[in-house]
Amino acid sequence: MPRNSTAAASATAPPGGENLPVADFESALGELEALVGRMEEGELGLDESLGAFERGISLYRQCRSALDQAELKVRQLLDPLDPDSASPFEAEPS
C-alpha cells in the first residue's frame, strides 16, 4: 500500500530532506573501515594517501550526519513536543 511505502521512506529519510538510509550508512562505514585498513598498511604513496584521507573525511562526515539525524529522530519520538528536553546519549565506557 502507498501508506506503508511512505512510512518506510520517512523512517529512513532525515528531516533535512537528505536521504541516508541505514544501508547507505553501513556501506559508508564499511568503505571507511576498508580505507583505514589500507592506510594503516602503509603501502600507499603520498598522492594515494592524500586522496584516501580526503575520501575518509567525506565518509566520516556522511556517517556522523546520519548518526546525528538518527539521534534527533529518537529525541523526537521520545518527546515530540520538546525534543530538546531528552537527555543526551552517553557513550558506554570502553
PDB file of N, CA and C in Angstrom:
ATOM      1  N   MET A   1       0.834  -1.187   0.000  1.00  0.00           N
ATOM      2  CA  MET A   1       0.000   0.000   0.000  1.00  0.00           C
ATOM      3  C   MET A   1       0.874   1.243   0.000  1.00  0.00           C
ATOM      4  N   PRO A   2       0.443   2.316  -0.584  1.00  0.00           N
ATOM      5  CA  PRO A   2       1.233   3.534  -0.623  1.00  0.00           C
ATOM      6  C   PRO A   2       1.541   4.087   0.754  1.00  0.00           C
ATOM      7  N   ARG A   3       0.636   3.928   1.686  1.00  0.00           N
ATOM      8  CA  ARG A   3       0.862   4.462   3.013  1.00  0.00           C
ATOM      9  C   ARG A   3       2.071   3.802   3.667  1.00  0.00           C
ATOM     10  N   ASN A   4       2.201   2.492   3.520  1.00  0.00           N
ATOM     11  CA  ASN A   4       3.336   1.796   4.101  1.00  0.00           C
ATOM     12  C   ASN A   4       4.650   2.200   3.460  1.00  0.00           C
ATOM     13  N   SER A   5       4.672   2.354   2.140  1.00  0.00           N
ATOM     14  CA  SER A   5       5.908   2.751   1.490  1.00  0.00           C
ATOM     15  C   SER A   5       6.295   4.169   1.888  1.00  0.00           C
ATOM     16  N   THR A   6       5.321   5.047   2.076  1.00  0.00           N
ATOM     17  CA  THR A   6       5.611   6.394   2.534  1.00  0.00           C
ATOM     18  C   THR A   6       6.151   6.369   3.952  1.00  0.00           C
ATOM     19  N   ALA A   7       5.567   5.546   4.800  1.00  0.00           N
ATOM     20  CA  ALA A   7       6.043   5.433   6.177  1.00  0.00           C
ATOM     21  C   ALA A   7       7.450   4.865   6.209  1.00  0.00           C
ATOM     22  N   ALA A   8       7.717   3.885   5.368  1.00  0.00           N
ATOM     23  CA  ALA A   8       9.059   3.299   5.337  1.00  0.00           C
ATOM     24  C   ALA A   8      10.065   4.319   4.831  1.00  0.00           C
ATOM     25  N   ALA A   9       9.699   5.097   3.829  1.00  0.00           N
ATOM     26  CA  ALA A   9      10.613   6.103   3.301  1.00  0.00           C
ATOM     27  C   ALA A   9      10.876   7.188   4.329  1.00  0.00           C
ATOM     28  N   SER A  10       9.838   7.612   5.053  1.00  0.00           N
ATOM     29  CA  SER A  10      10.043   8.661   6.044  1.00  0.00           C
ATOM     30  C   SER A  10      10.840   8.163   7.237  1.00  0.00           C
ATOM     31  N   ALA A  11      10.822   6.862   7.493  1.00  0.00           N
ATOM     32  CA  ALA A  11      11.595   6.315   8.603  1.00  0.00           C
ATOM     33  C   ALA A  11      13.085   6.351   8.307  1.00  0.00           C
ATOM     34  N   THR A  12      13.459   6.324   7.022  1.00  0.00           N
ATOM     35  CA  THR A  12      14.870   6.337   6.677  1.00  0.00           C
ATOM     36  C   THR A  12      15.333   7.694   6.203  1.00  0.00           C
ATOM     37  N   ALA A  13      14.425   8.589   5.849  1.00  0.00           N
ATOM     38  CA  ALA A  13      14.814   9.906   5.363  1.00  0.00           C
ATOM     39  C   ALA A  13      14.921  10.875   6.524  1.00  0.00           C
ATOM     40  N   PRO A  14      16.071  11.543   6.667  1.00  0.00           N
ATOM     41  CA  PRO A  14      16.229  12.516   7.725  1.00  0.00           C
ATOM     42  C   PRO A  14      15.395  13.761   7.470  1.00  0.00           C
ATOM     43  N   PRO A  15      15.141  14.548   8.519  1.00  0.00           N
ATOM     44  CA  PRO A  15      14.262  15.697   8.393  1.00  0.00           C
ATOM     45  C   PRO A  15      14.739  16.741   7.397  1.00  0.00           C
ATOM     46  N   GLY A  16      16.033  16.840   7.119  1.00  0.00           N
ATOM     47  CA  GLY A  16      16.551  17.854   6.220  1.00  0.00           C
ATOM     48  C   GLY A  16      16.324  17.541   4.756  1.00  0.00           C
ATOM     49  N   GLY A  17      15.675  16.437   4.440  1.00  0.00           N
ATOM     50  CA  GLY A  17      15.415  16.096   3.061  1.00  0.00           C
ATOM     51  C   GLY A  17      16.497  15.211   2.457  1.00  0.00           C
ATOM     52  N   GLU A  18      17.655  15.107   3.112  1.00  0.00           N
ATOM     53  CA  GLU A  18      18.696  14.226   2.625  1.00  0.00           C
ATOM     54  C   GLU A  18      18.267  12.797   2.892  1.00  0.00           C
ATOM     55  N   ASN A  19      18.688  11.891   2.023  1.00  0.00           N
ATOM     56  CA  ASN A  19      18.293  10.503   2.198  1.00  0.00           C
ATOM     57  C   ASN A  19      19.520   9.657   2.490  1.00  0.00           C
ATOM     58  N   LEU A  20      19.672   9.207   3.728  1.00  0.00           N
ATOM     59  CA  LEU A  20      20.773   8.338   4.103  1.00  0.00           C
ATOM     60  C   LEU A  20      20.212   7.189   4.930  1.00  0.00           C
ATOM     61  N   PRO A  21      19.624   6.175   4.253  1.00  0.00           N
ATOM     62  CA  PRO A  21      19.087   5.041   4.990  1.00  0.00           C
ATOM     63  C   PRO A  21      20.196   4.255   5.670  1.00  0.00           C
ATOM     64  N   VAL A  22      19.793   3.367   6.541  1.00  0.00           N
ATOM     65  CA  VAL A  22      20.732   2.566   7.310  1.00  0.00           C
ATOM     66  C   VAL A  22      21.696   1.820   6.400  1.00  0.00           C
ATOM     67  N   ALA A  23      21.209   1.284   5.299  1.00  0.00           N
ATOM     68  CA  ALA A  23      22.077   0.538   4.387  1.00  0.00           C
ATOM     69  C   ALA A  23      23.176   1.439   3.825  1.00  0.00           C
ATOM     70  N   ASP A  24      22.847   2.697   3.493  1.00  0.00           N
ATOM     71  CA  ASP A  24      23.854   3.630   2.998  1.00  0.00           C
ATOM     72  C   ASP A  24      24.859   3.963   4.092  1.00  0.00           C
ATOM     73  N   PHE A  25      24.391   4.131   5.328  1.00  0.00           N
ATOM     74  CA  PHE A  25      25.293   4.383   6.449  1.00  0.00           C
ATOM     75  C   PHE A  25      26.258   3.219   6.614  1.00  0.00           C
ATOM     76  N   GLU A  26      25.716   2.011   6.604  1.00  0.00           N
ATOM     77  CA  GLU A  26      26.567   0.828   6.792  1.00  0.00           C
ATOM     78  C   GLU A  26      27.552   0.666   5.646  1.00  0.00           C
ATOM     79  N   SER A  27      27.129   0.991   4.439  1.00  0.00           N
ATOM     80  CA  SER A  27      28.013   0.927   3.284  1.00  0.00           C
ATOM     81  C   SER A  27      29.158   1.941   3.432  1.00  0.00           C
ATOM     82  N   ALA A  28      28.818   3.169   3.815  1.00  0.00           N
ATOM     83  CA  ALA A  28      29.832   4.206   4.005  1.00  0.00           C
ATOM     84  C   ALA A  28      30.791   3.823   5.128  1.00  0.00           C
ATOM     85  N   LEU A  29      30.256   3.267   6.203  1.00  0.00           N
ATOM     86  CA  LEU A  29      31.100   2.853   7.316  1.00  0.00           C
ATOM     87  C   LEU A  29      32.033   1.718   6.900  1.00  0.00           C
ATOM     88  N   GLY A  30      31.521   0.768   6.139  1.00  0.00           N
ATOM     89  CA  GLY A  30      32.351  -0.334   5.653  1.00  0.00           C
ATOM     90  C   GLY A  30      33.466   0.161   4.752  1.00  0.00           C
ATOM     91  N   GLU A  31      33.128   1.106   3.863  1.00  0.00           N
ATOM     92  CA  GLU A  31      34.148   1.677   2.980  1.00  0.00           C
ATOM     93  C   GLU A  31      35.199   2.431   3.793  1.00  0.00           C
ATOM     94  N   LEU A  32      34.751   3.156   4.806  1.00  0.00           N
ATOM     95  CA  LEU A  32      35.681   3.900   5.663  1.00  0.00           C
ATOM     96  C   LEU A  32      36.619   2.947   6.395  1.00  0.00           C
ATOM     97  N   GLU A  33      36.072   1.865   6.934  1.00  0.00           N
ATOM     98  CA  GLU A  33      36.912   0.885   7.637  1.00  0.00           C
ATOM     99  C   GLU A  33      37.945   0.261   6.697  1.00  0.00           C
ATOM    100  N   ALA A  34      37.528  -0.059   5.469  1.00  0.00           N
ATOM    101  CA  ALA A  34      38.454  -0.636   4.489  1.00  0.00           C
ATOM    102  C   ALA A  34      39.542   0.373   4.118  1.00  0.00           C
ATOM    103  N   LEU A  35      39.144   1.628   3.974  1.00  0.00           N
ATOM    104  CA  LEU A  35      40.091   2.677   3.634  1.00  0.00           C
ATOM    105  C   LEU A  35      41.124   2.872   4.739  1.00  0.00           C
ATOM    106  N   VAL A  36      40.673   2.870   5.971  1.00  0.00           N
ATOM    107  CA  VAL A  36      41.588   3.000   7.111  1.00  0.00           C
ATOM    108  C   VAL A  36      42.551   1.818   7.135  1.00  0.00           C
ATOM    109  N   GLY A  37      42.048   0.629   6.870  1.00  0.00           N
ATOM    110  CA  GLY A  37      42.906  -0.554   6.826  1.00  0.00           C
ATOM    111  C   GLY A  37      44.000  -0.423   5.785  1.00  0.00           C
ATOM    112  N   ARG A  38      43.638   0.065   4.599  1.00  0.00           N
ATOM    113  CA  ARG A  38      44.637   0.264   3.540  1.00  0.00           C
ATOM    114  C   ARG A  38      45.673   1.296   3.957  1.00  0.00           C
ATOM    115  N   MET A  39      45.218   2.354   4.601  1.00  0.00           N
ATOM    116  CA  MET A  39      46.150   3.401   5.025  1.00  0.00           C
ATOM    117  C   MET A  39      47.071   2.895   6.125  1.00  0.00           C
ATOM    118  N   GLU A  40      46.551   2.080   7.021  1.00  0.00           N
ATOM    119  CA  GLU A  40      47.370   1.548   8.115  1.00  0.00           C
ATOM    120  C   GLU A  40      48.441   0.585   7.619  1.00  0.00           C
ATOM    121  N   GLU A  41      48.210  -0.043   6.474  1.00  0.00           N
ATOM    122  CA  GLU A  41      49.218  -0.936   5.912  1.00  0.00           C
ATOM    123  C   GLU A  41      50.472  -0.172   5.524  1.00  0.00           C
ATOM    124  N   GLY A  42      50.330   1.121   5.249  1.00  0.00           N
ATOM    125  CA  GLY A  42      51.476   1.968   4.964  1.00  0.00           C
ATOM    126  C   GLY A  42      52.081   1.792   3.590  1.00  0.00           C
ATOM    127  N   GLU A  43      51.354   1.203   2.674  1.00  0.00           N
ATOM    128  CA  GLU A  43      51.916   0.954   1.355  1.00  0.00           C
ATOM    129  C   GLU A  43      51.359   1.897   0.290  1.00  0.00           C
ATOM    130  N   LEU A  44      50.643   2.938   0.697  1.00  0.00           N
ATOM    131  CA  LEU A  44      50.118   3.907  -0.252  1.00  0.00           C
ATOM    132  C   LEU A  44      51.151   5.013  -0.452  1.00  0.00           C
ATOM    133  N   GLY A  45      51.229   5.515  -1.674  1.00  0.00           N
ATOM    134  CA  GLY A  45      52.087   6.656  -1.939  1.00  0.00           C
ATOM    135  C   GLY A  45      51.468   7.914  -1.351  1.00  0.00           C
ATOM    136  N   LEU A  46      52.200   9.007  -1.435  1.00  0.00           N
ATOM    137  CA  LEU A  46      51.725  10.261  -0.872  1.00  0.00           C
ATOM    138  C   LEU A  46      50.424  10.708  -1.533  1.00  0.00           C
ATOM    139  N   ASP A  47      50.385  10.701  -2.862  1.00  0.00           N
ATOM    140  CA  ASP A  47      49.166  11.115  -3.562  1.00  0.00           C
ATOM    141  C   ASP A  47      47.988  10.209  -3.205  1.00  0.00           C
ATOM    142  N   GLU A  48      48.227   8.902  -3.152  1.00  0.00           N
ATOM    143  CA  GLU A  48      47.161   7.956  -2.787  1.00  0.00           C
ATOM    144  C   GLU A  48      46.719   8.173  -1.341  1.00  0.00           C
ATOM    145  N   SER A  49      47.671   8.443  -0.464  1.00  0.00           N
ATOM    146  CA  SER A  49      47.337   8.685   0.943  1.00  0.00           C
ATOM    147  C   SER A  49      46.488   9.935   1.106  1.00  0.00           C
ATOM    148  N   LEU A  50      46.861  10.992   0.384  1.00  0.00           N
ATOM    149  CA  LEU A  50      46.074  12.230   0.469  1.00  0.00           C
ATOM    150  C   LEU A  50      44.670  12.026  -0.083  1.00  0.00           C
ATOM    151  N   GLY A  51      44.558  11.308  -1.198  1.00  0.00           N
ATOM    152  CA  GLY A  51      43.240  11.011  -1.764  1.00  0.00           C
ATOM    153  C   GLY A  51      42.410  10.150  -0.824  1.00  0.00           C
ATOM    154  N   ALA A  52      43.060   9.159  -0.210  1.00  0.00           N
ATOM    155  CA  ALA A  52      42.363   8.276   0.731  1.00  0.00           C
ATOM    156  C   ALA A  52      41.923   9.058   1.966  1.00  0.00           C
ATOM    157  N   PHE A  53      42.784   9.967   2.428  1.00  0.00           N
ATOM    158  CA  PHE A  53      42.432  10.783   3.587  1.00  0.00           C
ATOM    159  C   PHE A  53      41.240  11.674   3.271  1.00  0.00           C
ATOM    160  N   GLU A  54      41.256  12.300   2.099  1.00  0.00           N
ATOM    161  CA  GLU A  54      40.144  13.156   1.687  1.00  0.00           C
ATOM    162  C   GLU A  54      38.844  12.361   1.596  1.00  0.00           C
ATOM    163  N   ARG A  55      38.908  11.174   0.996  1.00  0.00           N
ATOM    164  CA  ARG A  55      37.717  10.316   0.894  1.00  0.00           C
ATOM    165  C   ARG A  55      37.255   9.896   2.293  1.00  0.00           C
ATOM    166  N   GLY A  56      38.201   9.581   3.161  1.00  0.00           N
ATOM    167  CA  GLY A  56      37.865   9.181   4.527  1.00  0.00           C
ATOM    168  C   GLY A  56      37.147  10.273   5.295  1.00  0.00           C
ATOM    169  N   ILE A  57      37.599  11.509   5.129  1.00  0.00           N
ATOM    170  CA  ILE A  57      36.925  12.639   5.790  1.00  0.00           C
ATOM    171  C   ILE A  57      35.496  12.766   5.289  1.00  0.00           C
ATOM    172  N   SER A  58      35.320  12.621   3.992  1.00  0.00           N
ATOM    173  CA  SER A  58      33.972  12.693   3.412  1.00  0.00           C
ATOM    174  C   SER A  58      33.074  11.584   3.968  1.00  0.00           C
ATOM    175  N   LEU A  59      33.598  10.370   4.025  1.00  0.00           N
ATOM    176  CA  LEU A  59      32.825   9.245   4.559  1.00  0.00           C
ATOM    177  C   LEU A  59      32.513   9.448   6.040  1.00  0.00           C
ATOM    178  N   TYR A  60      33.496   9.954   6.799  1.00  0.00           N
ATOM    179  CA  TYR A  60      33.273  10.222   8.225  1.00  0.00           C
ATOM    180  C   TYR A  60      32.139  11.223   8.406  1.00  0.00           C
ATOM    181  N   ARG A  61      32.166  12.293   7.634  1.00  0.00           N
ATOM    182  CA  ARG A  61      31.120  13.322   7.751  1.00  0.00           C
ATOM    183  C   ARG A  61      29.753  12.763   7.382  1.00  0.00           C
ATOM    184  N   GLN A  62      29.724  11.916   6.372  1.00  0.00           N
ATOM    185  CA  GLN A  62      28.466  11.284   5.966  1.00  0.00           C
ATOM    186  C   GLN A  62      27.919  10.412   7.101  1.00  0.00           C
ATOM    187  N   CYS A  63      28.776   9.616   7.710  1.00  0.00           N
ATOM    188  CA  CYS A  63      28.351   8.746   8.815  1.00  0.00           C
ATOM    189  C   CYS A  63      27.926   9.571  10.030  1.00  0.00           C
ATOM    190  N   ARG A  64      28.702  10.598  10.368  1.00  0.00           N
ATOM    191  CA  ARG A  64      28.391  11.442  11.526  1.00  0.00           C
ATOM    192  C   ARG A  64      27.042  12.122  11.335  1.00  0.00           C
ATOM    193  N   SER A  65      26.775  12.599  10.130  1.00  0.00           N
ATOM    194  CA  SER A  65      25.498  13.234   9.829  1.00  0.00           C
ATOM    195  C   SER A  65      24.345  12.254  10.018  1.00  0.00           C
ATOM    196  N   ALA A  66      24.528  11.028   9.532  1.00  0.00           N
ATOM    197  CA  ALA A  66      23.485  10.009   9.676  1.00  0.00           C
ATOM    198  C   ALA A  66      23.232   9.696  11.143  1.00  0.00           C
ATOM    199  N   LEU A  67      24.288   9.614  11.941  1.00  0.00           N
ATOM    200  CA  LEU A  67      24.124   9.343  13.369  1.00  0.00           C
ATOM    201  C   LEU A  67      23.429  10.503  14.079  1.00  0.00           C
ATOM    202  N   ASP A  68      23.809  11.727  13.726  1.00  0.00           N
ATOM    203  CA  ASP A  68      23.159  12.897  14.320  1.00  0.00           C
ATOM    204  C   ASP A  68      21.668  12.925  13.982  1.00  0.00           C
ATOM    205  N   GLN A  69      21.340  12.591  12.739  1.00  0.00           N
ATOM    206  CA  GLN A  69      19.940  12.569  12.314  1.00  0.00           C
ATOM    207  C   GLN A  69      19.165  11.463  13.027  1.00  0.00           C
ATOM    208  N   ALA A  70      19.806  10.330  13.240  1.00  0.00           N
ATOM    209  CA  ALA A  70      19.148   9.237  13.957  1.00  0.00           C
ATOM    210  C   ALA A  70      18.885   9.643  15.409  1.00  0.00           C
ATOM    211  N   GLU A  71      19.865  10.314  16.032  1.00  0.00           N
ATOM    212  CA  GLU A  71      19.670  10.765  17.411  1.00  0.00           C
ATOM    213  C   GLU A  71      18.527  11.764  17.494  1.00  0.00           C
ATOM    214  N   LEU A  72      18.462  12.681  16.535  1.00  0.00           N
ATOM    215  CA  LEU A  72      17.367  13.652  16.516  1.00  0.00           C
ATOM    216  C   LEU A  72      16.025  12.945  16.385  1.00  0.00           C
ATOM    217  N   LYS A  73      15.964  11.945  15.521  1.00  0.00           N
ATOM    218  CA  LYS A  73      14.720  11.195  15.326  1.00  0.00           C
ATOM    219  C   LYS A  73      14.296  10.508  16.625  1.00  0.00           C
ATOM    220  N   VAL A  74      15.254   9.929  17.338  1.00  0.00           N
ATOM    221  CA  VAL A  74      14.945   9.275  18.614  1.00  0.00           C
ATOM    222  C   VAL A  74      14.429  10.295  19.608  1.00  0.00           C
ATOM    223  N   ARG A  75      15.074  11.466  19.655  1.00  0.00           N
ATOM    224  CA  ARG A  75      14.613  12.519  20.566  1.00  0.00           C
ATOM    225  C   ARG A  75      13.183  12.947  20.224  1.00  0.00           C
ATOM    226  N   GLN A  76      12.890  13.079  18.947  1.00  0.00           N
ATOM    227  CA  GLN A  76      11.553  13.473  18.524  1.00  0.00           C
ATOM    228  C   GLN A  76      10.527  12.410  18.884  1.00  0.00           C
ATOM    229  N   LEU A  77      10.920  11.161  18.800  1.00  0.00           N
ATOM    230  CA  LEU A  77       9.999  10.081  19.158  1.00  0.00           C
ATOM    231  C   LEU A  77       9.769  10.023  20.658  1.00  0.00           C
ATOM    232  N   LEU A  78      10.816  10.297  21.448  1.00  0.00           N
ATOM    233  CA  LEU A  78      10.673  10.260  22.902  1.00  0.00           C
ATOM    234  C   LEU A  78       9.784  11.378  23.422  1.00  0.00           C
ATOM    235  N   ASP A  79       9.926  12.577  22.864  1.00  0.00           N
ATOM    236  CA  ASP A  79       9.111  13.708  23.291  1.00  0.00           C
ATOM    237  C   ASP A  79       8.896  14.639  22.103  1.00  0.00           C
ATOM    238  N   PRO A  80       7.856  14.364  21.305  1.00  0.00           N
ATOM    239  CA  PRO A  80       7.646  15.151  20.081  1.00  0.00           C
ATOM    240  C   PRO A  80       7.378  16.636  20.341  1.00  0.00           C
ATOM    241  N   LEU A  81       6.896  16.989  21.514  1.00  0.00           N
ATOM    242  CA  LEU A  81       6.607  18.390  21.805  1.00  0.00           C
ATOM    243  C   LEU A  81       7.840  19.161  22.253  1.00  0.00           C
ATOM    244  N   ASP A  82       8.823  18.463  22.825  1.00  0.00           N
ATOM    245  CA  ASP A  82      10.032  19.122  23.319  1.00  0.00           C
ATOM    246  C   ASP A  82      11.225  18.181  23.175  1.00  0.00           C
ATOM    247  N   PRO A  83      11.711  17.965  21.943  1.00  0.00           N
ATOM    248  CA  PRO A  83      12.805  17.013  21.726  1.00  0.00           C
ATOM    249  C   PRO A  83      14.098  17.418  22.432  1.00  0.00           C
ATOM    250  N   ASP A  84      14.271  18.708  22.735  1.00  0.00           N
ATOM    251  CA  ASP A  84      15.486  19.150  23.418  1.00  0.00           C
ATOM    252  C   ASP A  84      15.494  18.775  24.895  1.00  0.00           C
ATOM    253  N   SER A  85      14.355  18.370  25.437  1.00  0.00           N
ATOM    254  CA  SER A  85      14.303  18.008  26.852  1.00  0.00           C
ATOM    255  C   SER A  85      14.842  16.606  27.118  1.00  0.00           C
ATOM    256  N   ALA A  86      14.971  15.808  26.073  1.00  0.00           N
ATOM    257  CA  ALA A  86      15.509  14.455  26.244  1.00  0.00           C
ATOM    258  C   ALA A  86      16.975  14.558  26.624  1.00  0.00           C
ATOM    259  N   SER A  87      17.407  13.699  27.526  1.00  0.00           N
ATOM    260  CA  SER A  87      18.807  13.744  27.938  1.00  0.00           C
ATOM    261  C   SER A  87      19.685  13.149  26.845  1.00  0.00           C
ATOM    262  N   PRO A  88      20.894  13.681  26.654  1.00  0.00           N
ATOM    263  CA  PRO A  88      21.768  13.205  25.587  1.00  0.00           C
ATOM    264  C   PRO A  88      22.212  11.774  25.825  1.00  0.00           C
ATOM    265  N   PHE A  89      22.544  11.096  24.721  1.00  0.00           N
ATOM    266  CA  PHE A  89      23.054   9.745  24.811  1.00  0.00           C
ATOM    267  C   PHE A  89      24.441   9.767  25.422  1.00  0.00           C
ATOM    268  N   GLU A  90      24.716   8.862  26.298  1.00  0.00           N
ATOM    269  CA  GLU A  90      26.032   8.757  26.909  1.00  0.00           C
ATOM    270  C   GLU A  90      26.748   7.571  26.295  1.00  0.00           C
ATOM    271  N   ALA A  91      27.991   7.767  25.934  1.00  0.00           N
ATOM    272  CA  ALA A  91      28.790   6.667  25.392  1.00  0.00           C
ATOM    273  C   ALA A  91      29.099   5.679  26.499  1.00  0.00           C
ATOM    274  N   GLU A  92      29.041   4.400  26.129  1.00  0.00           N
ATOM    275  CA  GLU A  92      29.369   3.379  27.105  1.00  0.00           C
ATOM    276  C   GLU A  92      30.871   3.338  27.295  1.00  0.00           C
ATOM    277  N   PRO A  93      31.330   3.165  28.543  1.00  0.00           N
ATOM    278  CA  PRO A  93      32.769   3.103  28.765  1.00  0.00           C
ATOM    279  C   PRO A  93      33.369   1.905  28.049  1.00  0.00           C
ATOM    280  N   SER A  94      34.547   2.107  27.470  1.00  0.00           N
ATOM    281  CA  SER A  94      35.168   1.009  26.741  1.00  0.00           C
ATOM    282  C   SER A  94      36.165   0.256  27.570  1.00  0.00           C
TER     283      SER A  94
END
